[in-house]
Amino acid sequence: MFEKSEILDSELESFFSDVDPFVKIFQIEGDIYRKTANRETKKFSLGERTFFLKYHGPIGYKEVLKKLLKFQLPTVSAYPEWKALQKLSKLGIKAPTPLAIISRGFNPANSESIIITESVEPNISIEEILESQLINDVKANEKRKIIKKVAQISRSLHLNGINHRDLYLCHFLTDKNLDPDKEIFLIDLHRAQFRPKVPMRWAIKDIGGLIHSGMGYSLTERDLYRFFEVYFDKSLKEFSIKENKFLESCIDRAFRMYMKPLLNQIDITSNVVQENFYKQSGNNFRFIFRKEYKDLAKNLFPRIDEVMRSGEIIKDEEGHYMLVVSLKMNQFL
């Protein structure tokens, strides 16, 4: 069977010499982080060094056909992640260092591949920080630094033709001691796509997913504005006008993703109050209410760009933009 390998680390090269790597990986003792029918992620140690190993096994013709019928490309190899990690390194975006990739088989349905990276521990995902309320220990200026770095990474990806496809806060790793000056690492790039330019719909999916992953936590509307100021490299006033369509699409996608699991909990054939749904909705009512209010404002100001340009600015500073406008109610009747 055809086999191809690229091992950039001498210690790993020695470790896999004269053995079948696809037998060896299942003999390695380590901590399994994820395991499915055809994929496994494991952390293991060699001497004083720690590595992460990802195994991509055969997915079968049925899965390949199912994806193709949906006009989707199945993830059948570790090579997209290998390519992404190498490209991120050239761009200066921090990510796990790719050390080895081994594959065998031509047929996408029956091929196998392994990718090994250097561990980036000890780190913690931003999602874990939010879930554990550790974010309350982060000072305002430190929080702004973290938001800025996440926005810079997202901007750099899209400007260089890369869309992540799983761009969530759980895939941004930061210092376990919450030092905002430490680098933030981006992980899990096995579904990344590469083009000369990222199409808008894929950028919307990335940013919408990122916004969704922060909903329900202690992130604020102001945090969102700070993110977009860096992502667009424009002021709040400028991106609110020039990037309005993109912003609306991202936020709409985030809310659809947020509401889908909640709505799925409702049994439309039942007369019983859906307690769990209302409990979760109540906990996040403030965020949801803001969207409804925003939609109301859109109906009230159908020419919002024109209205904003005609207003008198009374406050324009970081995170705050206020103006006074004069409107005649018969404009909207």
C-alpha atoms as a PDB file:
ATOM      1  CA  MET A   1       0.000   0.000   0.000  1.00  0.00           C
ATOM      2  CA  PHE A   2       1.247   3.485  -0.880  1.00  0.00           C
ATOM      3  CA  GLU A   3       2.702   5.308   2.127  1.00  0.00           C
ATOM      4  CA  LYS A   4       3.995   8.848   2.393  1.00  0.00           C
ATOM      5  CA  SER A   5       5.642  10.542   5.352  1.00  0.00           C
ATOM      6  CA  GLU A   6       7.305  13.785   6.332  1.00  0.00           C
ATOM      7  CA  ILE A   7       8.915  13.809   9.771  1.00  0.00           C
ATOM      8  CA  LEU A   8      10.628  17.045  10.773  1.00  0.00           C
ATOM      9  CA  ASP A   9      11.648  15.999  14.284  1.00  0.00           C
ATOM     10  CA  SER A  10      14.622  13.668  14.861  1.00  0.00           C
ATOM     11  CA  GLU A  11      13.189  12.225  18.076  1.00  0.00           C
ATOM     12  CA  LEU A  12       9.937  11.276  16.353  1.00  0.00           C
ATOM     13  CA  GLU A  13      11.831   9.943  13.345  1.00  0.00           C
ATOM     14  CA  SER A  14      13.754   7.595  15.621  1.00  0.00           C
ATOM     15  CA  PHE A  15      10.557   6.650  17.477  1.00  0.00           C
ATOM     16  CA  PHE A  16       8.794   5.523  14.295  1.00  0.00           C
ATOM     17  CA  SER A  17      11.787   3.921  12.569  1.00  0.00           C
ATOM     18  CA  ASP A  18      11.463   0.240  11.571  1.00  0.00           C
ATOM     19  CA  VAL A  19       7.848  -0.016  12.822  1.00  0.00           C
ATOM     20  CA  ASP A  20       4.415   0.343  11.289  1.00  0.00           C
ATOM     21  CA  PRO A  21       3.352   3.824  12.501  1.00  0.00           C
ATOM     22  CA  PHE A  22      -0.328   2.901  12.174  1.00  0.00           C
ATOM     23  CA  VAL A  23       0.210   0.086  14.667  1.00  0.00           C
ATOM     24  CA  LYS A  24       2.562   2.066  16.885  1.00  0.00           C
ATOM     25  CA  ILE A  25       0.154   4.959  17.487  1.00  0.00           C
ATOM     26  CA  PHE A  26      -2.413   2.691  19.133  1.00  0.00           C
ATOM     27  CA  GLN A  27       0.277   1.222  21.394  1.00  0.00           C
ATOM     28  CA  ILE A  28       1.298   4.638  22.689  1.00  0.00           C
ATOM     29  CA  GLU A  29       0.058   5.377  26.188  1.00  0.00           C
ATOM     30  CA  GLY A  30      -1.438   8.805  26.629  1.00  0.00           C
ATOM     31  CA  ASP A  31      -4.502  10.898  27.365  1.00  0.00           C
ATOM     32  CA  ILE A  32      -7.263  10.547  24.775  1.00  0.00           C
ATOM     33  CA  TYR A  33      -8.948  13.906  24.173  1.00  0.00           C
ATOM     34  CA  ARG A  34     -11.345  12.772  21.478  1.00  0.00           C
ATOM     35  CA  LYS A  35     -12.307   9.441  19.975  1.00  0.00           C
ATOM     36  CA  THR A  36     -14.847   8.643  17.274  1.00  0.00           C
ATOM     37  CA  ALA A  37     -15.298   5.769  14.855  1.00  0.00           C
ATOM     38  CA  ASN A  38     -12.606   7.056  12.512  1.00  0.00           C
ATOM     39  CA  ARG A  39     -10.726   9.748  14.422  1.00  0.00           C
ATOM     40  CA  GLU A  40      -8.658   9.941  17.577  1.00  0.00           C
ATOM     41  CA  THR A  41      -6.784  12.766  19.312  1.00  0.00           C
ATOM     42  CA  LYS A  42      -4.225  11.791  21.923  1.00  0.00           C
ATOM     43  CA  LYS A  43      -1.624  13.551  24.061  1.00  0.00           C
ATOM     44  CA  PHE A  44       1.543  11.567  24.739  1.00  0.00           C
ATOM     45  CA  SER A  45       5.060  12.113  26.043  1.00  0.00           C
ATOM     46  CA  LEU A  46       8.539  11.152  24.872  1.00  0.00           C
ATOM     47  CA  GLY A  47      11.096  11.880  27.546  1.00  0.00           C
ATOM     48  CA  GLU A  48      10.452  15.422  28.748  1.00  0.00           C
ATOM     49  CA  ARG A  49       8.545  16.491  25.646  1.00  0.00           C
ATOM     50  CA  THR A  50       4.780  16.379  25.110  1.00  0.00           C
ATOM     51  CA  PHE A  51       3.029  15.940  21.770  1.00  0.00           C
ATOM     52  CA  PHE A  52      -0.460  15.780  20.320  1.00  0.00           C
ATOM     53  CA  LEU A  53      -1.333  13.083  17.808  1.00  0.00           C
ATOM     54  CA  LYS A  54      -4.363  13.095  15.519  1.00  0.00           C
ATOM     55  CA  TYR A  55      -5.344   9.983  13.624  1.00  0.00           C
ATOM     56  CA  HIS A  56      -7.698  10.136  10.624  1.00  0.00           C
ATOM     57  CA  GLY A  57      -9.020   6.685   9.718  1.00  0.00           C
ATOM     58  CA  PRO A  58     -11.086   5.421   6.772  1.00  0.00           C
ATOM     59  CA  ILE A  59     -14.542   7.003   6.612  1.00  0.00           C
ATOM     60  CA  GLY A  60     -16.065   4.624   4.056  1.00  0.00           C
ATOM     61  CA  TYR A  61     -17.862   5.196   0.767  1.00  0.00           C
ATOM     62  CA  LYS A  62     -21.194   5.948   2.450  1.00  0.00           C
ATOM     63  CA  GLU A  63     -19.831   8.999   4.282  1.00  0.00           C
ATOM     64  CA  VAL A  64     -17.992  10.236   1.190  1.00  0.00           C
ATOM     65  CA  LEU A  65     -21.168   9.945  -0.889  1.00  0.00           C
ATOM     66  CA  LYS A  66     -23.290  11.632   1.791  1.00  0.00           C
ATOM     67  CA  LYS A  67     -20.964  14.643   1.874  1.00  0.00           C
ATOM     68  CA  LEU A  68     -20.745  14.894  -1.908  1.00  0.00           C
ATOM     69  CA  LEU A  69     -24.546  14.817  -2.230  1.00  0.00           C
ATOM     70  CA  LYS A  70     -24.607  17.839   0.099  1.00  0.00           C
ATOM     71  CA  PHE A  71     -21.956  19.510  -2.101  1.00  0.00           C
ATOM     72  CA  GLN A  72     -19.463  19.238   0.767  1.00  0.00           C
ATOM     73  CA  LEU A  73     -15.935  17.873   0.775  1.00  0.00           C
ATOM     74  CA  PRO A  74     -15.398  15.233   3.481  1.00  0.00           C
ATOM     75  CA  THR A  75     -12.426  15.514   5.840  1.00  0.00           C
ATOM     76  CA  VAL A  76     -10.457  12.415   4.897  1.00  0.00           C
ATOM     77  CA  SER A  77      -6.887  13.411   5.703  1.00  0.00           C
ATOM     78  CA  ALA A  78      -4.621  15.270   8.110  1.00  0.00           C
ATOM     79  CA  TYR A  79      -3.027  17.187   5.219  1.00  0.00           C
ATOM     80  CA  PRO A  80      -5.348  20.247   5.373  1.00  0.00           C
ATOM     81  CA  GLU A  81      -4.294  20.796   8.998  1.00  0.00           C
ATOM     82  CA  TRP A  82      -0.629  20.196   8.127  1.00  0.00           C
ATOM     83  CA  LYS A  83      -0.854  22.782   5.354  1.00  0.00           C
ATOM     84  CA  ALA A  84      -2.745  25.246   7.572  1.00  0.00           C
ATOM     85  CA  LEU A  85      -0.253  25.002  10.439  1.00  0.00           C
ATOM     86  CA  GLN A  86       2.664  25.605   8.090  1.00  0.00           C
ATOM     87  CA  LYS A  87       0.923  28.594   6.524  1.00  0.00           C
ATOM     88  CA  LEU A  88       0.026  30.079   9.911  1.00  0.00           C
ATOM     89  CA  SER A  89       3.667  29.803  10.945  1.00  0.00           C
ATOM     90  CA  LYS A  90       4.682  31.874   7.902  1.00  0.00           C
ATOM     91  CA  LEU A  91       2.014  34.466   8.740  1.00  0.00           C
ATOM     92  CA  GLY A  92       3.222  34.777  12.334  1.00  0.00           C
ATOM     93  CA  ILE A  93      -0.005  33.372  13.804  1.00  0.00           C
ATOM     94  CA  LYS A  94       0.712  31.188  16.805  1.00  0.00           C
ATOM     95  CA  ALA A  95      -0.428  27.587  16.412  1.00  0.00           C
ATOM     96  CA  PRO A  96       0.886  24.127  17.358  1.00  0.00           C
ATOM     97  CA  THR A  97       4.162  23.351  15.554  1.00  0.00           C
ATOM     98  CA  PRO A  98       3.650  20.573  12.967  1.00  0.00           C
ATOM     99  CA  LEU A  99       6.342  17.915  13.420  1.00  0.00           C
ATOM    100  CA  ALA A 100       5.243  14.855  11.466  1.00  0.00           C
ATOM    101  CA  ILE A 101       2.655  13.648   8.995  1.00  0.00           C
ATOM    102  CA  ILE A 102       2.277  10.081   7.773  1.00  0.00           C
ATOM    103  CA  SER A 103      -0.361   8.804   5.358  1.00  0.00           C
ATOM    104  CA  ARG A 104      -1.168   5.693   3.392  1.00  0.00           C
ATOM    105  CA  GLY A 105      -3.689   4.820   0.730  1.00  0.00           C
ATOM    106  CA  PHE A 106      -4.949   6.615  -2.402  1.00  0.00           C
ATOM    107  CA  ASN A 107      -8.679   6.079  -1.996  1.00  0.00           C
ATOM    108  CA  PRO A 108     -10.299   8.848   0.123  1.00  0.00           C
ATOM    109  CA  ALA A 109     -12.761   6.334   1.600  1.00  0.00           C
ATOM    110  CA  ASN A 110     -10.033   3.946   2.798  1.00  0.00           C
ATOM    111  CA  SER A 111      -6.983   6.155   3.422  1.00  0.00           C
ATOM    112  CA  GLU A 112      -5.377   6.774   6.827  1.00  0.00           C
ATOM    113  CA  SER A 113      -3.211   9.619   8.078  1.00  0.00           C
ATOM    114  CA  ILE A 114      -1.466  10.820  11.226  1.00  0.00           C
ATOM    115  CA  ILE A 115      -0.373  14.311  12.199  1.00  0.00           C
ATOM    116  CA  ILE A 116       1.801  15.026  15.249  1.00  0.00           C
ATOM    117  CA  THR A 117       2.296  18.495  16.707  1.00  0.00           C
ATOM    118  CA  GLU A 118       4.179  19.969  19.629  1.00  0.00           C
ATOM    119  CA  SER A 119       1.963  20.499  22.666  1.00  0.00           C
ATOM    120  CA  VAL A 120       1.135  24.138  23.465  1.00  0.00           C
ATOM    121  CA  GLU A 121       0.307  23.443  27.112  1.00  0.00           C
ATOM    122  CA  PRO A 122      -0.103  24.733  29.738  1.00  0.00           C
ATOM    123  CA  ASN A 123      -2.852  26.796  28.161  1.00  0.00           C
ATOM    124  CA  ILE A 124      -6.591  27.188  28.550  1.00  0.00           C
ATOM    125  CA  SER A 125      -9.254  27.941  25.952  1.00  0.00           C
ATOM    126  CA  ILE A 126     -11.063  31.266  26.098  1.00  0.00           C
ATOM    127  CA  GLU A 127     -14.333  29.331  26.290  1.00  0.00           C
ATOM    128  CA  GLU A 128     -13.105  27.588  29.464  1.00  0.00           C
ATOM    129  CA  ILE A 129     -12.253  30.976  30.962  1.00  0.00           C
ATOM    130  CA  LEU A 130     -15.789  32.210  30.288  1.00  0.00           C
ATOM    131  CA  GLU A 131     -17.455  29.028  31.544  1.00  0.00           C
ATOM    132  CA  SER A 132     -15.479  29.007  34.797  1.00  0.00           C
ATOM    133  CA  GLN A 133     -16.064  32.714  35.465  1.00  0.00           C
ATOM    134  CA  LEU A 134     -12.280  33.271  35.441  1.00  0.00           C
ATOM    135  CA  ILE A 135     -13.040  36.179  33.124  1.00  0.00           C
ATOM    136  CA  ASN A 136     -14.149  38.094  36.240  1.00  0.00           C
ATOM    137  CA  ASP A 137     -10.524  38.003  37.426  1.00  0.00           C
ATOM    138  CA  VAL A 138      -9.333  39.665  34.223  1.00  0.00           C
ATOM    139  CA  LYS A 139      -8.992  43.445  34.403  1.00  0.00           C
ATOM    140  CA  ALA A 140     -10.671  45.604  31.753  1.00  0.00           C
ATOM    141  CA  ASN A 141      -7.435  46.522  29.960  1.00  0.00           C
ATOM    142  CA  GLU A 142      -6.310  42.871  29.992  1.00  0.00           C
ATOM    143  CA  LYS A 143      -9.653  41.785  28.547  1.00  0.00           C
ATOM    144  CA  ARG A 144      -9.255  44.337  25.752  1.00  0.00           C
ATOM    145  CA  LYS A 145      -5.838  42.871  24.898  1.00  0.00           C
ATOM    146  CA  ILE A 146      -7.298  39.367  24.588  1.00  0.00           C
ATOM    147  CA  ILE A 147     -10.156  40.617  22.382  1.00  0.00           C
ATOM    148  CA  LYS A 148      -7.661  42.492  20.216  1.00  0.00           C
ATOM    149  CA  LYS A 149      -5.510  39.393  19.702  1.00  0.00           C
ATOM    150  CA  VAL A 150      -8.505  37.223  18.759  1.00  0.00           C
ATOM    151  CA  ALA A 151      -9.582  39.897  16.255  1.00  0.00           C
ATOM    152  CA  GLN A 152      -6.063  40.188  14.813  1.00  0.00           C
ATOM    153  CA  ILE A 153      -5.865  36.418  14.285  1.00  0.00           C
ATOM    154  CA  SER A 154      -9.303  36.356  12.622  1.00  0.00           C
ATOM    155  CA  ARG A 155      -8.414  39.300  10.390  1.00  0.00           C
ATOM    156  CA  SER A 156      -5.064  37.806   9.370  1.00  0.00           C
ATOM    157  CA  LEU A 157      -6.677  34.468   8.481  1.00  0.00           C
ATOM    158  CA  HIS A 158      -9.264  36.034   6.193  1.00  0.00           C
ATOM    159  CA  LEU A 159      -6.899  38.551   4.588  1.00  0.00           C
ATOM    160  CA  ASN A 160      -4.631  35.660   3.617  1.00  0.00           C
ATOM    161  CA  GLY A 161      -7.322  33.485   2.085  1.00  0.00           C
ATOM    162  CA  ILE A 162      -7.883  31.073   4.991  1.00  0.00           C
ATOM    163  CA  ASN A 163     -11.229  30.300   6.578  1.00  0.00           C
ATOM    164  CA  HIS A 164     -11.188  28.073   9.653  1.00  0.00           C
ATOM    165  CA  ARG A 165     -14.738  26.620   9.468  1.00  0.00           C
ATOM    166  CA  ASP A 166     -14.684  25.984  13.243  1.00  0.00           C
ATOM    167  CA  LEU A 167     -13.701  29.451  14.448  1.00  0.00           C
ATOM    168  CA  TYR A 168     -15.006  29.273  18.016  1.00  0.00           C
ATOM    169  CA  LEU A 169     -13.584  30.569  21.300  1.00  0.00           C
ATOM    170  CA  CYS A 170     -12.820  26.992  22.373  1.00  0.00           C
ATOM    171  CA  HIS A 171     -10.152  26.898  19.645  1.00  0.00           C
ATOM    172  CA  PHE A 172      -8.280  29.960  20.946  1.00  0.00           C
ATOM    173  CA  LEU A 173      -5.833  28.978  23.683  1.00  0.00           C
ATOM    174  CA  THR A 174      -4.347  31.536  26.043  1.00  0.00           C
ATOM    175  CA  ASP A 175      -2.082  31.492  29.086  1.00  0.00           C
ATOM    176  CA  LYS A 176      -3.407  29.389  31.960  1.00  0.00           C
ATOM    177  CA  ASN A 177      -2.413  32.156  34.392  1.00  0.00           C
ATOM    178  CA  LEU A 178      -4.419  34.657  32.312  1.00  0.00           C
ATOM    179  CA  ASP A 179      -1.390  36.738  31.342  1.00  0.00           C
ATOM    180  CA  PRO A 180      -2.756  38.942  28.503  1.00  0.00           C
ATOM    181  CA  ASP A 181       0.755  39.607  27.188  1.00  0.00           C
ATOM    182  CA  LYS A 182       1.290  35.930  26.357  1.00  0.00           C
ATOM    183  CA  GLU A 183       0.536  34.690  22.854  1.00  0.00           C
ATOM    184  CA  ILE A 184      -2.833  33.226  21.874  1.00  0.00           C
ATOM    185  CA  PHE A 185      -2.719  29.954  19.922  1.00  0.00           C
ATOM    186  CA  LEU A 186      -5.229  28.841  17.295  1.00  0.00           C
ATOM    187  CA  ILE A 187      -5.934  25.102  17.114  1.00  0.00           C
ATOM    188  CA  ASP A 188      -8.068  22.486  15.292  1.00  0.00           C
ATOM    189  CA  LEU A 189      -7.526  23.508  11.679  1.00  0.00           C
ATOM    190  CA  HIS A 190      -8.354  20.147  10.097  1.00  0.00           C
ATOM    191  CA  ARG A 191     -11.296  21.665   8.163  1.00  0.00           C
ATOM    192  CA  ALA A 192      -9.500  24.845   7.059  1.00  0.00           C
ATOM    193  CA  GLN A 193      -9.933  26.005   3.463  1.00  0.00           C
ATOM    194  CA  PHE A 194      -7.499  27.965   1.297  1.00  0.00           C
ATOM    195  CA  ARG A 195      -8.260  30.383  -1.534  1.00  0.00           C
ATOM    196  CA  PRO A 196      -6.743  33.551  -3.001  1.00  0.00           C
ATOM    197  CA  LYS A 197      -9.589  35.392  -1.236  1.00  0.00           C
ATOM    198  CA  VAL A 198     -12.100  34.179   1.357  1.00  0.00           C
ATOM    199  CA  PRO A 199     -15.656  34.464  -0.060  1.00  0.00           C
ATOM    200  CA  MET A 200     -17.944  36.631   2.058  1.00  0.00           C
ATOM    201  CA  ARG A 201     -20.252  33.739   2.939  1.00  0.00           C
ATOM    202  CA  TRP A 202     -17.347  31.789   4.465  1.00  0.00           C
ATOM    203  CA  ALA A 203     -16.086  34.832   6.362  1.00  0.00           C
ATOM    204  CA  ILE A 204     -19.640  35.300   7.704  1.00  0.00           C
ATOM    205  CA  LYS A 205     -19.729  31.659   8.819  1.00  0.00           C
ATOM    206  CA  ASP A 206     -16.427  32.086  10.664  1.00  0.00           C
ATOM    207  CA  ILE A 207     -17.266  35.373  12.391  1.00  0.00           C
ATOM    208  CA  GLY A 208     -20.891  34.409  13.038  1.00  0.00           C
ATOM    209  CA  GLY A 209     -19.687  31.208  14.686  1.00  0.00           C
ATOM    210  CA  LEU A 210     -17.177  33.153  16.761  1.00  0.00           C
ATOM    211  CA  ILE A 211     -19.861  35.565  17.996  1.00  0.00           C
ATOM    212  CA  HIS A 212     -22.177  32.650  18.764  1.00  0.00           C
ATOM    213  CA  SER A 213     -19.501  30.941  20.873  1.00  0.00           C
ATOM    214  CA  GLY A 214     -19.346  34.024  23.119  1.00  0.00           C
ATOM    215  CA  MET A 215     -23.100  34.412  23.611  1.00  0.00           C
ATOM    216  CA  GLY A 216     -24.579  33.712  27.012  1.00  0.00           C
ATOM    217  CA  TYR A 217     -21.359  34.641  28.810  1.00  0.00           C
ATOM    218  CA  SER A 218     -20.148  37.894  30.342  1.00  0.00           C
ATOM    219  CA  LEU A 219     -19.077  39.431  27.032  1.00  0.00           C
ATOM    220  CA  THR A 220     -20.751  42.744  26.251  1.00  0.00           C
ATOM    221  CA  GLU A 221     -21.887  44.680  23.221  1.00  0.00           C
ATOM    222  CA  ARG A 222     -18.893  46.957  23.730  1.00  0.00           C
ATOM    223  CA  ASP A 223     -16.579  43.929  23.553  1.00  0.00           C
ATOM    224  CA  LEU A 224     -18.140  43.101  20.186  1.00  0.00           C
ATOM    225  CA  TYR A 225     -17.490  46.637  18.912  1.00  0.00           C
ATOM    226  CA  ARG A 226     -13.859  46.434  20.023  1.00  0.00           C
ATOM    227  CA  PHE A 227     -13.464  43.154  18.174  1.00  0.00           C
ATOM    228  CA  PHE A 228     -14.827  44.619  14.928  1.00  0.00           C
ATOM    229  CA  GLU A 229     -12.705  47.770  15.195  1.00  0.00           C
ATOM    230  CA  VAL A 230      -9.616  45.555  14.996  1.00  0.00           C
ATOM    231  CA  TYR A 231     -11.069  43.019  12.548  1.00  0.00           C
ATOM    232  CA  PHE A 232     -12.023  45.735  10.016  1.00  0.00           C
ATOM    233  CA  ASP A 233      -9.204  48.118  11.027  1.00  0.00           C
ATOM    234  CA  LYS A 234     -11.816  50.860  11.078  1.00  0.00           C
ATOM    235  CA  SER A 235     -13.454  53.064  13.685  1.00  0.00           C
ATOM    236  CA  LEU A 236     -16.852  52.196  15.130  1.00  0.00           C
ATOM    237  CA  LYS A 237     -18.481  54.929  13.074  1.00  0.00           C
ATOM    238  CA  GLU A 238     -16.760  53.809   9.876  1.00  0.00           C
ATOM    239  CA  PHE A 239     -17.435  50.075  10.065  1.00  0.00           C
ATOM    240  CA  SER A 240     -21.030  50.622  11.284  1.00  0.00           C
ATOM    241  CA  ILE A 241     -21.734  52.340   7.970  1.00  0.00           C
ATOM    242  CA  LYS A 242     -19.397  50.668   5.470  1.00  0.00           C
ATOM    243  CA  GLU A 243     -19.625  47.076   6.760  1.00  0.00           C
ATOM    244  CA  ASN A 244     -23.292  47.108   7.758  1.00  0.00           C
ATOM    245  CA  LYS A 245     -24.349  44.221   5.510  1.00  0.00           C
ATOM    246  CA  PHE A 246     -21.527  41.977   6.719  1.00  0.00           C
ATOM    247  CA  LEU A 247     -22.236  42.842  10.369  1.00  0.00           C
ATOM    248  CA  GLU A 248     -25.936  42.065  10.070  1.00  0.00           C
ATOM    249  CA  SER A 249     -25.227  38.740   8.362  1.00  0.00           C
ATOM    250  CA  CYS A 250     -22.719  37.712  11.062  1.00  0.00           C
ATOM    251  CA  ILE A 251     -25.053  38.633  13.921  1.00  0.00           C
ATOM    252  CA  ASP A 252     -28.041  36.966  12.253  1.00  0.00           C
ATOM    253  CA  ARG A 253     -26.019  33.770  11.811  1.00  0.00           C
ATOM    254  CA  ALA A 254     -24.889  33.896  15.446  1.00  0.00           C
ATOM    255  CA  PHE A 255     -28.501  34.153  16.653  1.00  0.00           C
ATOM    256  CA  ARG A 256     -29.694  31.357  14.394  1.00  0.00           C
ATOM    257  CA  MET A 257     -26.953  29.113  15.786  1.00  0.00           C
ATOM    258  CA  TYR A 258     -27.804  30.179  19.332  1.00  0.00           C
ATOM    259  CA  MET A 259     -31.551  29.628  19.036  1.00  0.00           C
ATOM    260  CA  LYS A 260     -31.483  26.348  17.096  1.00  0.00           C
ATOM    261  CA  PRO A 261     -30.742  24.008  20.054  1.00  0.00           C
ATOM    262  CA  LEU A 262     -33.171  25.937  22.265  1.00  0.00           C
ATOM    263  CA  LEU A 263     -35.995  25.716  19.744  1.00  0.00           C
ATOM    264  CA  ASN A 264     -35.299  22.015  19.215  1.00  0.00           C
ATOM    265  CA  GLN A 265     -36.191  21.466  22.879  1.00  0.00           C
ATOM    266  CA  ILE A 266     -39.773  22.596  22.331  1.00  0.00           C
ATOM    267  CA  ASP A 267     -42.366  19.874  21.777  1.00  0.00           C
ATOM    268  CA  ILE A 268     -45.020  21.575  19.643  1.00  0.00           C
ATOM    269  CA  THR A 269     -47.489  18.748  20.346  1.00  0.00           C
ATOM    270  CA  SER A 270     -47.304  19.315  24.106  1.00  0.00           C
ATOM    271  CA  ASN A 271     -49.366  21.723  26.213  1.00  0.00           C
ATOM    272  CA  VAL A 272     -46.848  21.479  29.052  1.00  0.00           C
ATOM    273  CA  VAL A 273     -44.720  24.564  29.696  1.00  0.00           C
ATOM    274  CA  GLN A 274     -41.232  23.983  28.306  1.00  0.00           C
ATOM    275  CA  GLU A 275     -39.391  24.921  31.492  1.00  0.00           C
ATOM    276  CA  ASN A 276     -35.830  24.327  30.310  1.00  0.00           C
ATOM    277  CA  PHE A 277     -36.320  26.455  27.198  1.00  0.00           C
ATOM    278  CA  TYR A 278     -37.786  29.382  29.116  1.00  0.00           C
ATOM    279  CA  LYS A 279     -35.112  29.121  31.784  1.00  0.00           C
ATOM    280  CA  GLN A 280     -32.309  29.388  29.242  1.00  0.00           C
ATOM    281  CA  SER A 281     -34.122  32.077  27.277  1.00  0.00           C
ATOM    282  CA  GLY A 282     -34.614  34.074  30.474  1.00  0.00           C
ATOM    283  CA  ASN A 283     -30.965  33.830  31.394  1.00  0.00           C
ATOM    284  CA  ASN A 284     -30.014  35.296  28.028  1.00  0.00           C
ATOM    285  CA  PHE A 285     -32.977  37.607  27.496  1.00  0.00           C
ATOM    286  CA  ARG A 286     -30.848  40.748  27.500  1.00  0.00           C
ATOM    287  CA  PHE A 287     -28.796  39.637  24.525  1.00  0.00           C
ATOM    288  CA  ILE A 288     -31.854  38.409  22.616  1.00  0.00           C
ATOM    289  CA  PHE A 289     -33.763  41.598  23.417  1.00  0.00           C
ATOM    290  CA  ARG A 290     -30.998  43.666  21.882  1.00  0.00           C
ATOM    291  CA  LYS A 291     -31.476  41.908  18.561  1.00  0.00           C
ATOM    292  CA  GLU A 292     -35.225  42.509  18.619  1.00  0.00           C
ATOM    293  CA  TYR A 293     -34.595  46.150  19.449  1.00  0.00           C
ATOM    294  CA  LYS A 294     -32.094  46.376  16.615  1.00  0.00           C
ATOM    295  CA  ASP A 295     -34.659  44.975  14.176  1.00  0.00           C
ATOM    296  CA  LEU A 296     -37.198  47.534  15.413  1.00  0.00           C
ATOM    297  CA  ALA A 297     -34.686  50.320  14.833  1.00  0.00           C
ATOM    298  CA  LYS A 298     -34.092  49.058  11.288  1.00  0.00           C
ATOM    299  CA  ASN A 299     -37.817  49.405  10.560  1.00  0.00           C
ATOM    300  CA  LEU A 300     -37.886  52.859  12.114  1.00  0.00           C
ATOM    301  CA  PHE A 301     -34.836  54.107  10.195  1.00  0.00           C
ATOM    302  CA  PRO A 302     -34.950  52.592   6.703  1.00  0.00           C
ATOM    303  CA  ARG A 303     -32.237  55.049   5.587  1.00  0.00           C
ATOM    304  CA  ILE A 304     -29.996  54.669   8.625  1.00  0.00           C
ATOM    305  CA  ASP A 305     -26.753  55.596   6.785  1.00  0.00           C
ATOM    306  CA  GLU A 306     -28.279  58.857   5.577  1.00  0.00           C
ATOM    307  CA  VAL A 307     -29.668  59.606   9.040  1.00  0.00           C
ATOM    308  CA  MET A 308     -26.282  59.037  10.721  1.00  0.00           C
ATOM    309  CA  ARG A 309     -24.456  61.292   8.273  1.00  0.00           C
ATOM    310  CA  SER A 310     -26.902  64.131   8.959  1.00  0.00           C
ATOM    311  CA  GLY A 311     -26.539  63.923  12.751  1.00  0.00           C
ATOM    312  CA  GLU A 312     -24.556  66.104  15.154  1.00  0.00           C
ATOM    313  CA  ILE A 313     -21.820  64.128  16.948  1.00  0.00           C
ATOM    314  CA  ILE A 314     -21.837  64.691  20.710  1.00  0.00           C
ATOM    315  CA  LYS A 315     -19.479  61.874  21.744  1.00  0.00           C
ATOM    316  CA  ASP A 316     -16.899  59.914  19.740  1.00  0.00           C
ATOM    317  CA  GLU A 317     -14.442  57.835  21.744  1.00  0.00           C
ATOM    318  CA  GLU A 318     -13.438  54.202  22.136  1.00  0.00           C
ATOM    319  CA  GLY A 319     -16.556  52.089  22.623  1.00  0.00           C
ATOM    320  CA  HIS A 320     -18.917  55.106  22.494  1.00  0.00           C
ATOM    321  CA  TYR A 321     -20.419  56.906  19.525  1.00  0.00           C
ATOM    322  CA  MET A 322     -23.403  59.212  20.108  1.00  0.00           C
ATOM    323  CA  LEU A 323     -25.144  61.714  17.866  1.00  0.00           C
ATOM    324  CA  VAL A 324     -28.307  63.780  17.775  1.00  0.00           C
ATOM    325  CA  VAL A 325     -30.586  63.584  14.734  1.00  0.00           C
ATOM    326  CA  SER A 326     -33.740  65.456  13.814  1.00  0.00           C
ATOM    327  CA  LEU A 327     -36.540  63.350  12.313  1.00  0.00           C
ATOM    328  CA  LYS A 328     -40.014  64.087  11.046  1.00  0.00           C
ATOM    329  CA  MET A 329     -42.379  61.275  11.905  1.00  0.00           C
ATOM    330  CA  ASN A 330     -44.208  61.572   8.576  1.00  0.00           C
ATOM    331  CA  GLN A 331     -40.970  60.368   6.926  1.00  0.00           C
ATOM    332  CA  PHE A 332     -41.890  56.860   8.090  1.00  0.00           C
ATOM    333  CA  LEU A 333     -45.655  56.909   7.568  1.00  0.00           C
END
